[in-house]
C-alpha atoms as a PDB file:
ATOM      1  CA  UNK A   1       9.109 -23.075  57.230  1.00  0.00           C
ATOM      2  CA  UNK A   2      10.208 -26.531  56.048  1.00  0.00           C
ATOM      3  CA  UNK A   3      13.321 -25.005  54.473  1.00  0.00           C
ATOM      4  CA  UNK A   4      14.347 -23.469  57.796  1.00  0.00           C
ATOM      5  CA  UNK A   5      13.838 -26.743  59.643  1.00  0.00           C
ATOM      6  CA  UNK A   6      16.357 -28.333  57.289  1.00  0.00           C
ATOM      7  CA  UNK A   7      18.740 -25.466  57.998  1.00  0.00           C
ATOM      8  CA  UNK A   8      18.254 -26.104  61.709  1.00  0.00           C
ATOM      9  CA  UNK A   9      19.252 -29.726  61.163  1.00  0.00           C
ATOM     10  CA  UNK A  10      22.409 -28.518  59.426  1.00  0.00           C
ATOM     11  CA  UNK A  11      23.287 -26.223  62.333  1.00  0.00           C
ATOM     12  CA  UNK A  12      22.739 -28.959  64.908  1.00  0.00           C
ATOM     13  CA  UNK A  13      25.088 -31.180  62.917  1.00  0.00           C
ATOM     14  CA  UNK A  14      27.709 -28.437  62.645  1.00  0.00           C
ATOM     15  CA  UNK A  15      30.279 -30.247  64.754  1.00  0.00           C
ATOM     16  CA  UNK A  16      30.257 -33.277  62.432  1.00  0.00           C
ATOM     17  CA  UNK A  17      30.142 -31.243  59.237  1.00  0.00           C
ATOM     18  CA  UNK A  18      33.235 -29.186  60.099  1.00  0.00           C
ATOM     19  CA  UNK A  19      35.323 -32.369  60.265  1.00  0.00           C
ATOM     20  CA  UNK A  20      34.769 -33.245  56.598  1.00  0.00           C
ATOM     21  CA  UNK A  21      36.543 -31.924  53.507  1.00  0.00           C
ATOM     22  CA  UNK A  22      35.050 -29.796  50.762  1.00  0.00           C
ATOM     23  CA  UNK A  23      35.101 -31.426  47.337  1.00  0.00           C
ATOM     24  CA  UNK A  24      34.929 -30.644  43.624  1.00  0.00           C
ATOM     25  CA  UNK A  25      32.674 -32.320  41.089  1.00  0.00           C
ATOM     26  CA  UNK A  26      35.520 -32.161  38.543  1.00  0.00           C
ATOM     27  CA  UNK A  27      37.596 -34.307  40.888  1.00  0.00           C
ATOM     28  CA  UNK A  28      40.106 -35.646  38.336  1.00  0.00           C
ATOM     29  CA  UNK A  29      40.679 -32.253  36.705  1.00  0.00           C
ATOM     30  CA  UNK A  30      41.420 -30.587  40.061  1.00  0.00           C
ATOM     31  CA  UNK A  31      44.394 -32.919  40.086  1.00  0.00           C
ATOM     32  CA  UNK A  32      46.652 -31.415  42.777  1.00  0.00           C
ATOM     33  CA  UNK A  33      43.741 -31.155  45.215  1.00  0.00           C
ATOM     34  CA  UNK A  34      42.974 -34.830  44.610  1.00  0.00           C
ATOM     35  CA  UNK A  35      46.409 -36.430  44.906  1.00  0.00           C
ATOM     36  CA  UNK A  36      49.907 -34.916  45.327  1.00  0.00           C
ATOM     37  CA  UNK A  37      51.233 -37.634  42.977  1.00  0.00           C
ATOM     38  CA  UNK A  38      49.351 -35.821  40.174  1.00  0.00           C
ATOM     39  CA  UNK A  39      51.928 -33.013  40.370  1.00  0.00           C
ATOM     40  CA  UNK A  40      53.509 -32.859  36.923  1.00  0.00           C
ATOM     41  CA  UNK A  41      51.445 -35.822  35.656  1.00  0.00           C
ATOM     42  CA  UNK A  42      50.149 -34.312  32.425  1.00  0.00           C
ATOM     43  CA  UNK A  43      51.105 -34.040  28.761  1.00  0.00           C
ATOM     44  CA  UNK A  44      52.978 -30.755  28.847  1.00  0.00           C
ATOM     45  CA  UNK A  45      55.661 -28.710  30.602  1.00  0.00           C
ATOM     46  CA  UNK A  46      53.560 -26.257  32.659  1.00  0.00           C
ATOM     47  CA  UNK A  47      49.918 -26.401  33.723  1.00  0.00           C
ATOM     48  CA  UNK A  48      47.670 -23.750  35.288  1.00  0.00           C
ATOM     49  CA  UNK A  49      44.114 -24.216  36.582  1.00  0.00           C
ATOM     50  CA  UNK A  50      41.374 -21.900  37.877  1.00  0.00           C
ATOM     51  CA  UNK A  51      38.132 -23.238  39.421  1.00  0.00           C
ATOM     52  CA  UNK A  52      35.022 -21.530  40.809  1.00  0.00           C
ATOM     53  CA  UNK A  53      32.301 -23.443  42.708  1.00  0.00           C
ATOM     54  CA  UNK A  54      29.025 -22.038  44.097  1.00  0.00           C
ATOM     55  CA  UNK A  55      26.875 -24.393  46.214  1.00  0.00           C
ATOM     56  CA  UNK A  56      23.441 -24.284  47.894  1.00  0.00           C
ATOM     57  CA  UNK A  57      22.616 -20.733  46.813  1.00  0.00           C
ATOM     58  CA  UNK A  58      18.907 -21.667  46.717  1.00  0.00           C
ATOM     59  CA  UNK A  59      18.924 -22.758  50.395  1.00  0.00           C
ATOM     60  CA  UNK A  60      21.065 -20.328  52.373  1.00  0.00           C
ATOM     61  CA  UNK A  61      24.092 -18.097  51.988  1.00  0.00           C
ATOM     62  CA  UNK A  62      26.029 -19.821  49.185  1.00  0.00           C
ATOM     63  CA  UNK A  63      29.107 -21.909  49.821  1.00  0.00           C
ATOM     64  CA  UNK A  64      31.721 -20.378  47.500  1.00  0.00           C
ATOM     65  CA  UNK A  65      35.066 -21.987  46.677  1.00  0.00           C
ATOM     66  CA  UNK A  66      37.936 -20.746  44.513  1.00  0.00           C
ATOM     67  CA  UNK A  67      40.959 -22.820  43.570  1.00  0.00           C
ATOM     68  CA  UNK A  68      44.087 -21.887  41.629  1.00  0.00           C
ATOM     69  CA  UNK A  69      46.940 -24.277  40.948  1.00  0.00           C
ATOM     70  CA  UNK A  70      50.166 -24.441  38.978  1.00  0.00           C
ATOM     71  CA  UNK A  71      52.563 -27.335  38.417  1.00  0.00           C
ATOM     72  CA  UNK A  72      55.475 -28.218  36.159  1.00  0.00           C
ATOM     73  CA  UNK A  73      57.953 -30.973  35.417  1.00  0.00           C
ATOM     74  CA  UNK A  74      61.706 -30.435  35.814  1.00  0.00           C
ATOM     75  CA  UNK A  75      63.935 -31.653  32.939  1.00  0.00           C
ATOM     76  CA  UNK A  76      60.903 -33.551  31.678  1.00  0.00           C
ATOM     77  CA  UNK A  77      61.791 -33.317  27.975  1.00  0.00           C
ATOM     78  CA  UNK A  78      65.200 -34.936  28.361  1.00  0.00           C
ATOM     79  CA  UNK A  79      64.398 -37.561  30.980  1.00  0.00           C
ATOM     80  CA  UNK A  80      64.583 -41.270  30.142  1.00  0.00           C
ATOM     81  CA  UNK A  81      64.405 -42.837  33.634  1.00  0.00           C
ATOM     82  CA  UNK A  82      62.409 -40.395  35.772  1.00  0.00           C
ATOM     83  CA  UNK A  83      61.836 -36.751  36.579  1.00  0.00           C
ATOM     84  CA  UNK A  84      60.885 -34.427  39.428  1.00  0.00           C
ATOM     85  CA  UNK A  85      57.825 -32.140  39.437  1.00  0.00           C
ATOM     86  CA  UNK A  86      56.732 -29.290  41.720  1.00  0.00           C
ATOM     87  CA  UNK A  87      53.457 -27.468  42.160  1.00  0.00           C
ATOM     88  CA  UNK A  88      51.391 -25.148  44.326  1.00  0.00           C
ATOM     89  CA  UNK A  89      47.708 -24.670  45.103  1.00  0.00           C
ATOM     90  CA  UNK A  90      45.799 -21.799  46.658  1.00  0.00           C
ATOM     91  CA  UNK A  91      42.255 -22.522  47.847  1.00  0.00           C
ATOM     92  CA  UNK A  92      39.738 -20.065  49.287  1.00  0.00           C
ATOM     93  CA  UNK A  93      36.413 -21.242  50.711  1.00  0.00           C
ATOM     94  CA  UNK A  94      33.563 -19.309  52.350  1.00  0.00           C
ATOM     95  CA  UNK A  95      30.558 -21.166  53.733  1.00  0.00           C
ATOM     96  CA  UNK A  96      27.141 -20.171  54.973  1.00  0.00           C
ATOM     97  CA  UNK A  97      25.772 -17.559  57.349  1.00  0.00           C
ATOM     98  CA  UNK A  98      28.705 -17.939  59.730  1.00  0.00           C
ATOM     99  CA  UNK A  99      31.045 -16.827  56.908  1.00  0.00           C
ATOM    100  CA  UNK A 100      33.272 -19.758  57.811  1.00  0.00           C
ATOM    101  CA  UNK A 101      36.415 -18.995  55.802  1.00  0.00           C
ATOM    102  CA  UNK A 102      39.265 -21.285  54.834  1.00  0.00           C
ATOM    103  CA  UNK A 103      42.464 -20.157  53.135  1.00  0.00           C
ATOM    104  CA  UNK A 104      44.804 -23.013  52.235  1.00  0.00           C
ATOM    105  CA  UNK A 105      48.205 -22.661  50.551  1.00  0.00           C
ATOM    106  CA  UNK A 106      49.844 -25.917  49.483  1.00  0.00           C
ATOM    107  CA  UNK A 107      53.254 -26.832  48.078  1.00  0.00           C
ATOM    108  CA  UNK A 108      53.615 -30.256  46.442  1.00  0.00           C
ATOM    109  CA  UNK A 109      56.413 -32.374  45.024  1.00  0.00           C
ATOM    110  CA  UNK A 110      56.326 -35.618  43.064  1.00  0.00           C
ATOM    111  CA  UNK A 111      58.773 -37.986  41.427  1.00  0.00           C
ATOM    112  CA  UNK A 112      57.785 -39.950  38.325  1.00  0.00           C
ATOM    113  CA  UNK A 113      59.559 -43.227  37.558  1.00  0.00           C
ATOM    114  CA  UNK A 114      59.441 -44.198  33.878  1.00  0.00           C
ATOM    115  CA  UNK A 115      58.729 -47.919  33.794  1.00  0.00           C
ATOM    116  CA  UNK A 116      58.456 -48.146  29.997  1.00  0.00           C
ATOM    117  CA  UNK A 117      57.220 -46.175  27.002  1.00  0.00           C
ATOM    118  CA  UNK A 118      53.734 -47.245  28.083  1.00  0.00           C
ATOM    119  CA  UNK A 119      53.694 -46.734  31.869  1.00  0.00           C
ATOM    120  CA  UNK A 120      54.847 -44.420  34.659  1.00  0.00           C
ATOM    121  CA  UNK A 121      54.693 -44.824  38.457  1.00  0.00           C
ATOM    122  CA  UNK A 122      54.474 -41.587  40.482  1.00  0.00           C
ATOM    123  CA  UNK A 123      54.762 -40.739  44.188  1.00  0.00           C
ATOM    124  CA  UNK A 124      53.910 -37.354  45.689  1.00  0.00           C
ATOM    125  CA  UNK A 125      53.906 -35.421  48.945  1.00  0.00           C
ATOM    126  CA  UNK A 126      52.478 -32.049  49.900  1.00  0.00           C
ATOM    127  CA  UNK A 127      52.434 -29.708  52.841  1.00  0.00           C
ATOM    128  CA  UNK A 128      49.838 -27.011  53.460  1.00  0.00           C
ATOM    129  CA  UNK A 129      49.335 -23.981  55.684  1.00  0.00           C
ATOM    130  CA  UNK A 130      45.667 -23.438  56.591  1.00  0.00           C
ATOM    131  CA  UNK A 131      43.907 -20.440  58.147  1.00  0.00           C
ATOM    132  CA  UNK A 132      40.252 -20.657  59.215  1.00  0.00           C
ATOM    133  CA  UNK A 133      37.848 -18.201  60.823  1.00  0.00           C
ATOM    134  CA  UNK A 134      34.125 -17.587  61.315  1.00  0.00           C
ATOM    135  CA  UNK A 135      31.683 -15.009  62.700  1.00  0.00           C
ATOM    136  CA  UNK A 136      29.440 -16.561  65.354  1.00  0.00           C
ATOM    137  CA  UNK A 137      27.160 -13.492  65.448  1.00  0.00           C
ATOM    138  CA  UNK A 138      25.511 -14.905  62.315  1.00  0.00           C
ATOM    139  CA  UNK A 139      24.734 -18.267  63.949  1.00  0.00           C
ATOM    140  CA  UNK A 140      21.839 -19.608  65.972  1.00  0.00           C
ATOM    141  CA  UNK A 141      22.272 -22.705  68.160  1.00  0.00           C
ATOM    142  CA  UNK A 142      19.841 -25.409  69.168  1.00  0.00           C
ATOM    143  CA  UNK A 143      19.895 -24.133  72.794  1.00  0.00           C
ATOM    144  CA  UNK A 144      18.404 -20.864  71.494  1.00  0.00           C
ATOM    145  CA  UNK A 145      15.443 -22.481  69.741  1.00  0.00           C
ATOM    146  CA  UNK A 146      12.234 -21.672  71.633  1.00  0.00           C
ATOM    147  CA  UNK A 147       9.834 -23.737  69.563  1.00  0.00           C
ATOM    148  CA  UNK A 148       8.616 -20.732  67.603  1.00  0.00           C
ATOM    149  CA  UNK A 149      11.991 -19.363  66.525  1.00  0.00           C
ATOM    150  CA  UNK A 150      15.428 -18.424  67.792  1.00  0.00           C
ATOM    151  CA  UNK A 151      16.175 -16.076  70.681  1.00  0.00           C
ATOM    152  CA  UNK A 152      19.728 -14.710  70.450  1.00  0.00           C
ATOM    153  CA  UNK A 153      19.591 -13.499  74.073  1.00  0.00           C
ATOM    154  CA  UNK A 154      19.587 -17.113  75.325  1.00  0.00           C
ATOM    155  CA  UNK A 155      23.141 -18.388  76.014  1.00  0.00           C
ATOM    156  CA  UNK A 156      24.307 -20.694  73.235  1.00  0.00           C
ATOM    157  CA  UNK A 157      25.963 -23.159  75.585  1.00  0.00           C
ATOM    158  CA  UNK A 158      28.970 -23.311  73.258  1.00  0.00           C
ATOM    159  CA  UNK A 159      32.440 -22.853  74.752  1.00  0.00           C
ATOM    160  CA  UNK A 160      34.030 -20.985  71.841  1.00  0.00           C
ATOM    161  CA  UNK A 161      37.358 -19.485  72.900  1.00  0.00           C
ATOM    162  CA  UNK A 162      38.460 -18.151  69.515  1.00  0.00           C
ATOM    163  CA  UNK A 163      36.954 -17.450  66.105  1.00  0.00           C
ATOM    164  CA  UNK A 164      40.268 -18.090  64.318  1.00  0.00           C
ATOM    165  CA  UNK A 165      42.683 -20.981  64.002  1.00  0.00           C
ATOM    166  CA  UNK A 166      45.643 -22.024  61.900  1.00  0.00           C
ATOM    167  CA  UNK A 167      47.233 -25.375  61.230  1.00  0.00           C
ATOM    168  CA  UNK A 168      49.614 -27.382  59.082  1.00  0.00           C
ATOM    169  CA  UNK A 169      48.450 -30.283  56.933  1.00  0.00           C
ATOM    170  CA  UNK A 170      50.332 -33.128  55.202  1.00  0.00           C
ATOM    171  CA  UNK A 171      49.203 -35.537  52.457  1.00  0.00           C
ATOM    172  CA  UNK A 172      50.814 -38.208  50.261  1.00  0.00           C
ATOM    173  CA  UNK A 173      49.820 -40.320  47.271  1.00  0.00           C
ATOM    174  CA  UNK A 174      50.707 -42.769  44.503  1.00  0.00           C
ATOM    175  CA  UNK A 175      49.678 -42.794  40.830  1.00  0.00           C
ATOM    176  CA  UNK A 176      50.052 -45.313  38.004  1.00  0.00           C
ATOM    177  CA  UNK A 177      49.618 -44.173  34.384  1.00  0.00           C
ATOM    178  CA  UNK A 178      49.392 -46.404  31.306  1.00  0.00           C
ATOM    179  CA  UNK A 179      48.780 -46.205  27.561  1.00  0.00           C
ATOM    180  CA  UNK A 180      48.147 -49.202  25.323  1.00  0.00           C
ATOM    181  CA  UNK A 181      50.055 -47.933  22.295  1.00  0.00           C
ATOM    182  CA  UNK A 182      52.212 -45.042  21.145  1.00  0.00           C
ATOM    183  CA  UNK A 183      49.491 -42.850  19.705  1.00  0.00           C
ATOM    184  CA  UNK A 184      49.167 -39.085  19.699  1.00  0.00           C
ATOM    185  CA  UNK A 185      49.027 -37.942  23.322  1.00  0.00           C
ATOM    186  CA  UNK A 186      45.792 -35.966  23.020  1.00  0.00           C
ATOM    187  CA  UNK A 187      44.110 -38.261  20.487  1.00  0.00           C
ATOM    188  CA  UNK A 188      41.195 -40.602  21.177  1.00  0.00           C
ATOM    189  CA  UNK A 189      43.090 -43.687  20.009  1.00  0.00           C
ATOM    190  CA  UNK A 190      43.921 -46.692  22.154  1.00  0.00           C
ATOM    191  CA  UNK A 191      43.404 -47.185  25.887  1.00  0.00           C
ATOM    192  CA  UNK A 192      44.778 -44.823  28.545  1.00  0.00           C
ATOM    193  CA  UNK A 193      44.478 -45.284  32.316  1.00  0.00           C
ATOM    194  CA  UNK A 194      45.280 -43.308  35.470  1.00  0.00           C
ATOM    195  CA  UNK A 195      44.864 -45.115  38.821  1.00  0.00           C
ATOM    196  CA  UNK A 196      45.764 -43.458  42.123  1.00  0.00           C
ATOM    197  CA  UNK A 197      45.495 -43.610  45.903  1.00  0.00           C
ATOM    198  CA  UNK A 198      46.033 -40.767  48.347  1.00  0.00           C
ATOM    199  CA  UNK A 199      46.150 -40.349  52.122  1.00  0.00           C
ATOM    200  CA  UNK A 200      45.205 -36.851  53.275  1.00  0.00           C
ATOM    201  CA  UNK A 201      45.603 -35.177  56.697  1.00  0.00           C
ATOM    202  CA  UNK A 202      48.322 -37.602  57.792  1.00  0.00           C
ATOM    203  CA  UNK A 203      49.085 -35.452  60.838  1.00  0.00           C
ATOM    204  CA  UNK A 204      45.373 -35.078  61.800  1.00  0.00           C
ATOM    205  CA  UNK A 205      45.494 -31.312  62.510  1.00  0.00           C
ATOM    206  CA  UNK A 206      43.501 -29.836  65.372  1.00  0.00           C
ATOM    207  CA  UNK A 207      40.170 -28.393  64.184  1.00  0.00           C
ATOM    208  CA  UNK A 208      38.451 -27.195  67.352  1.00  0.00           C
ATOM    209  CA  UNK A 209      37.611 -23.585  68.310  1.00  0.00           C
ATOM    210  CA  UNK A 210      37.114 -24.428  72.005  1.00  0.00           C
ATOM    211  CA  UNK A 211      40.688 -25.276  72.970  1.00  0.00           C
ATOM    212  CA  UNK A 212      39.986 -29.014  73.320  1.00  0.00           C
ATOM    213  CA  UNK A 213      42.959 -30.985  72.001  1.00  0.00           C
ATOM    214  CA  UNK A 214      41.090 -34.204  71.171  1.00  0.00           C
ATOM    215  CA  UNK A 215      39.028 -32.705  68.342  1.00  0.00           C
ATOM    216  CA  UNK A 216      41.108 -33.277  65.231  1.00  0.00           C
ATOM    217  CA  UNK A 217      40.458 -33.576  61.529  1.00  0.00           C
ATOM    218  CA  UNK A 218      39.887 -37.121  60.375  1.00  0.00           C
ATOM    219  CA  UNK A 219      42.460 -38.534  57.992  1.00  0.00           C
ATOM    220  CA  UNK A 220      41.052 -39.278  54.531  1.00  0.00           C
ATOM    221  CA  UNK A 221      41.873 -42.182  52.244  1.00  0.00           C
ATOM    222  CA  UNK A 222      40.772 -42.060  48.624  1.00  0.00           C
ATOM    223  CA  UNK A 223      41.005 -44.079  45.439  1.00  0.00           C
ATOM    224  CA  UNK A 224      40.575 -42.497  42.009  1.00  0.00           C
ATOM    225  CA  UNK A 225      40.486 -43.788  38.448  1.00  0.00           C
ATOM    226  CA  UNK A 226      40.197 -42.229  35.003  1.00  0.00           C
ATOM    227  CA  UNK A 227      40.263 -44.054  31.708  1.00  0.00           C
ATOM    228  CA  UNK A 228      40.035 -43.197  28.046  1.00  0.00           C
ATOM    229  CA  UNK A 229      38.915 -45.947  25.673  1.00  0.00           C
ATOM    230  CA  UNK A 230      39.023 -45.175  21.980  1.00  0.00           C
ATOM    231  CA  UNK A 231      36.275 -46.604  19.791  1.00  0.00           C
ATOM    232  CA  UNK A 232      37.697 -48.195  16.636  1.00  0.00           C
ATOM    233  CA  UNK A 233      37.231 -46.340  13.342  1.00  0.00           C
ATOM    234  CA  UNK A 234      35.629 -43.306  15.017  1.00  0.00           C
ATOM    235  CA  UNK A 235      36.762 -39.947  16.417  1.00  0.00           C
ATOM    236  CA  UNK A 236      35.199 -40.840  19.787  1.00  0.00           C
ATOM    237  CA  UNK A 237      36.456 -42.176  23.112  1.00  0.00           C
ATOM    238  CA  UNK A 238      34.668 -43.192  26.310  1.00  0.00           C
ATOM    239  CA  UNK A 239      35.851 -41.593  29.577  1.00  0.00           C
ATOM    240  CA  UNK A 240      34.983 -43.705  32.675  1.00  0.00           C
ATOM    241  CA  UNK A 241      35.825 -42.155  36.070  1.00  0.00           C
ATOM    242  CA  UNK A 242      35.584 -43.318  39.694  1.00  0.00           C
ATOM    243  CA  UNK A 243      36.294 -41.726  43.080  1.00  0.00           C
ATOM    244  CA  UNK A 244      35.837 -43.317  46.500  1.00  0.00           C
ATOM    245  CA  UNK A 245      36.774 -41.467  49.695  1.00  0.00           C
ATOM    246  CA  UNK A 246      36.635 -42.447  53.362  1.00  0.00           C
ATOM    247  CA  UNK A 247      37.008 -39.831  56.114  1.00  0.00           C
ATOM    248  CA  UNK A 248      36.002 -40.813  59.631  1.00  0.00           C
ATOM    249  CA  UNK A 249      32.273 -41.664  59.557  1.00  0.00           C
ATOM    250  CA  UNK A 250      31.836 -40.031  56.141  1.00  0.00           C
ATOM    251  CA  UNK A 251      31.871 -41.945  52.853  1.00  0.00           C
ATOM    252  CA  UNK A 252      31.742 -40.650  49.292  1.00  0.00           C
ATOM    253  CA  UNK A 253      31.375 -42.739  46.148  1.00  0.00           C
ATOM    254  CA  UNK A 254      31.295 -41.042  42.749  1.00  0.00           C
ATOM    255  CA  UNK A 255      31.368 -42.605  39.309  1.00  0.00           C
ATOM    256  CA  UNK A 256      30.645 -41.341  35.838  1.00  0.00           C
ATOM    257  CA  UNK A 257      30.998 -41.718  32.105  1.00  0.00           C
ATOM    258  CA  UNK A 258      31.718 -39.231  29.336  1.00  0.00           C
ATOM    259  CA  UNK A 259      32.090 -39.269  25.588  1.00  0.00           C
ATOM    260  CA  UNK A 260      35.030 -37.342  24.079  1.00  0.00           C
ATOM    261  CA  UNK A 261      34.685 -36.245  20.458  1.00  0.00           C
ATOM    262  CA  UNK A 262      37.566 -34.912  18.357  1.00  0.00           C
ATOM    263  CA  UNK A 263      36.206 -31.891  16.473  1.00  0.00           C
ATOM    264  CA  UNK A 264      39.116 -30.471  14.483  1.00  0.00           C
ATOM    265  CA  UNK A 265      42.734 -31.032  13.603  1.00  0.00           C
ATOM    266  CA  UNK A 266      45.157 -28.143  13.199  1.00  0.00           C
ATOM    267  CA  UNK A 267      45.579 -26.784   9.678  1.00  0.00           C
ATOM    268  CA  UNK A 268      48.731 -28.153   8.079  1.00  0.00           C
ATOM    269  CA  UNK A 269      49.317 -24.913   6.160  1.00  0.00           C
ATOM    270  CA  UNK A 270      48.353 -21.922   8.316  1.00  0.00           C
ATOM    271  CA  UNK A 271      48.223 -23.259  11.883  1.00  0.00           C
ATOM    272  CA  UNK A 272      45.309 -20.892  12.555  1.00  0.00           C
ATOM    273  CA  UNK A 273      42.723 -23.640  13.039  1.00  0.00           C
ATOM    274  CA  UNK A 274      43.464 -25.233  16.406  1.00  0.00           C
ATOM    275  CA  UNK A 275      42.796 -28.823  17.376  1.00  0.00           C
ATOM    276  CA  UNK A 276      39.712 -29.164  19.554  1.00  0.00           C
ATOM    277  CA  UNK A 277      37.696 -31.781  21.429  1.00  0.00           C
ATOM    278  CA  UNK A 278      34.348 -31.827  23.227  1.00  0.00           C
ATOM    279  CA  UNK A 279      33.449 -34.117  26.134  1.00  0.00           C
ATOM    280  CA  UNK A 280      29.867 -34.601  27.349  1.00  0.00           C
ATOM    281  CA  UNK A 281      29.018 -36.793  30.323  1.00  0.00           C
ATOM    282  CA  UNK A 282      27.792 -37.065  33.860  1.00  0.00           C
ATOM    283  CA  UNK A 283      28.723 -38.199  37.355  1.00  0.00           C
ATOM    284  CA  UNK A 284      26.628 -39.811  40.066  1.00  0.00           C
ATOM    285  CA  UNK A 285      27.641 -39.023  43.649  1.00  0.00           C
ATOM    286  CA  UNK A 286      25.856 -41.733  45.630  1.00  0.00           C
ATOM    287  CA  UNK A 287      23.151 -40.383  47.931  1.00  0.00           C
ATOM    288  CA  UNK A 288      23.990 -36.779  47.064  1.00  0.00           C
ATOM    289  CA  UNK A 289      23.855 -35.536  43.472  1.00  0.00           C
ATOM    290  CA  UNK A 290      23.714 -36.156  39.747  1.00  0.00           C
ATOM    291  CA  UNK A 291      26.317 -34.066  37.880  1.00  0.00           C
ATOM    292  CA  UNK A 292      25.950 -33.488  34.114  1.00  0.00           C
ATOM    293  CA  UNK A 293      29.073 -31.864  32.669  1.00  0.00           C
ATOM    294  CA  UNK A 294      30.837 -30.699  29.541  1.00  0.00           C
ATOM    295  CA  UNK A 295      34.427 -29.807  28.746  1.00  0.00           C
ATOM    296  CA  UNK A 296      35.750 -28.119  25.627  1.00  0.00           C
ATOM    297  CA  UNK A 297      39.432 -28.270  24.654  1.00  0.00           C
ATOM    298  CA  UNK A 298      41.000 -26.036  22.026  1.00  0.00           C
ATOM    299  CA  UNK A 299      44.771 -25.935  21.658  1.00  0.00           C
ATOM    300  CA  UNK A 300      46.348 -25.286  25.064  1.00  0.00           C
ATOM    301  CA  UNK A 301      43.069 -24.295  26.739  1.00  0.00           C
ATOM    302  CA  UNK A 302      40.296 -26.357  28.320  1.00  0.00           C
ATOM    303  CA  UNK A 303      36.972 -25.040  29.673  1.00  0.00           C
ATOM    304  CA  UNK A 304      34.636 -27.076  31.869  1.00  0.00           C
ATOM    305  CA  UNK A 305      31.163 -26.671  33.341  1.00  0.00           C
ATOM    306  CA  UNK A 306      29.353 -29.047  35.708  1.00  0.00           C
ATOM    307  CA  UNK A 307      26.045 -28.688  37.588  1.00  0.00           C
ATOM    308  CA  UNK A 308      25.056 -30.616  40.731  1.00  0.00           C
ATOM    309  CA  UNK A 309      21.415 -31.706  40.787  1.00  0.00           C
ATOM    310  CA  UNK A 310      20.811 -32.381  44.463  1.00  0.00           C
ATOM    311  CA  UNK A 311      19.042 -35.689  45.279  1.00  0.00           C
ATOM    312  CA  UNK A 312      19.850 -35.953  49.007  1.00  0.00           C
ATOM    313  CA  UNK A 313      17.469 -35.132  51.863  1.00  0.00           C
ATOM    314  CA  UNK A 314      18.383 -31.480  51.392  1.00  0.00           C
ATOM    315  CA  UNK A 315      16.626 -31.542  47.999  1.00  0.00           C
ATOM    316  CA  UNK A 316      13.334 -30.717  49.784  1.00  0.00           C
ATOM    317  CA  UNK A 317      14.830 -27.362  50.706  1.00  0.00           C
ATOM    318  CA  UNK A 318      17.019 -26.819  47.640  1.00  0.00           C
ATOM    319  CA  UNK A 319      14.477 -28.016  45.037  1.00  0.00           C
ATOM    320  CA  UNK A 320      17.321 -30.010  43.544  1.00  0.00           C
ATOM    321  CA  UNK A 321      19.529 -26.972  42.929  1.00  0.00           C
ATOM    322  CA  UNK A 322      22.877 -27.999  44.358  1.00  0.00           C
ATOM    323  CA  UNK A 323      25.964 -26.361  42.879  1.00  0.00           C
ATOM    324  CA  UNK A 324      27.620 -25.235  39.690  1.00  0.00           C
ATOM    325  CA  UNK A 325      31.307 -25.375  38.988  1.00  0.00           C
ATOM    326  CA  UNK A 326      33.379 -23.877  36.188  1.00  0.00           C
ATOM    327  CA  UNK A 327      37.049 -24.320  35.382  1.00  0.00           C
ATOM    328  CA  UNK A 328      39.654 -22.992  32.999  1.00  0.00           C
ATOM    329  CA  UNK A 329      42.898 -24.881  32.363  1.00  0.00           C
ATOM    330  CA  UNK A 330      45.982 -23.908  30.384  1.00  0.00           C
ATOM    331  CA  UNK A 331      48.727 -26.348  29.403  1.00  0.00           C
ATOM    332  CA  UNK A 332      51.990 -25.308  27.746  1.00  0.00           C
ATOM    333  CA  UNK A 333      52.852 -26.380  25.123  1.00  0.00           C
ATOM    334  CA  UNK A 334      49.729 -27.410  23.230  1.00  0.00           C
ATOM    335  CA  UNK A 335      48.998 -30.990  24.440  1.00  0.00           C
ATOM    336  CA  UNK A 336      47.546 -31.959  21.048  1.00  0.00           C
ATOM    337  CA  UNK A 337      51.027 -31.757  19.524  1.00  0.00           C
ATOM    338  CA  UNK A 338      53.289 -32.149  22.546  1.00  0.00           C
ATOM    339  CA  UNK A 339      56.557 -33.867  21.668  1.00  0.00           C
ATOM    340  CA  UNK A 340      56.401 -37.538  22.567  1.00  0.00           C
ATOM    341  CA  UNK A 341      59.043 -39.125  24.750  1.00  0.00           C
ATOM    342  CA  UNK A 342      59.200 -41.594  27.628  1.00  0.00           C
ATOM    343  CA  UNK A 343      58.411 -38.889  30.203  1.00  0.00           C
ATOM    344  CA  UNK A 344      55.055 -37.812  28.785  1.00  0.00           C
ATOM    345  CA  UNK A 345      53.743 -40.727  26.730  1.00  0.00           C
ATOM    346  CA  UNK A 346      51.617 -42.237  29.541  1.00  0.00           C
ATOM    347  CA  UNK A 347      49.937 -38.983  30.648  1.00  0.00           C
ATOM    348  CA  UNK A 348      46.713 -37.571  29.207  1.00  0.00           C
END
């Protein structure tokens, strides 16, 4: 019964919950979703990413999210002053008993100014088309709670005029990338930094299903950071990461640390043994979850797995089982041996 009381609390708070964004635990790896300035900001020519996230399966109908993205630089290999990059993202999200569905298609563009062989400043912009729908026959409202359960024959008191909506969405961002020395792009040597800010939902799209114009999505401001600090005379680097986001009354603060270990270097003679690296670490999302993770890189491919251990008030219903997330990334050409030049030296 306690589990269902927590679900009731979630339903009562539905109006506030719908005005907040979904998120990924691998926030820096889901780069285009994080900041449009990340478009083309990687050591390679083309990049593809697939992500699957399943949340709160132990509490209710799971919240399931899929994301696919692709981005590429234009004339990146020959650029000495700056280059253009384009990308696209397709996101599908289905949440809870209402089968609240979101389909979001995004096109992004960024320009990267080469400041030096050690640093790049990037600016990006994206535009998205969003479709959302839900099935209210699977919902119970607080007006229908009798004290012993829910009675669907009691009017909900909700003025829902449509179960579908569509909207446009605009976001922008900046990114600064830096490396301390001209080492191998995918190596653990030296110090590498990415620092970015992004402003999402600039146009504050309408989010209401009742026809009321004043209910709009809150704009979101976020700051993100990722570093890589090589430890002298070892094959290891530390990976500190930070994300802070502010959206209306909602706040999210996440920070974490990982250790990246170089496992193999490619065979000089056959080329059959690919370079590889393993990263083990964890994030802490304040007031919400602890997220242990691992990523494994081999040649052009990277695989990641993260699990959310729920520590919020919902943990009494979820028994700590929050979400798991898996990703697969492909970068062409192999980032471990990508040709160095001014346009890619600062990305990692």
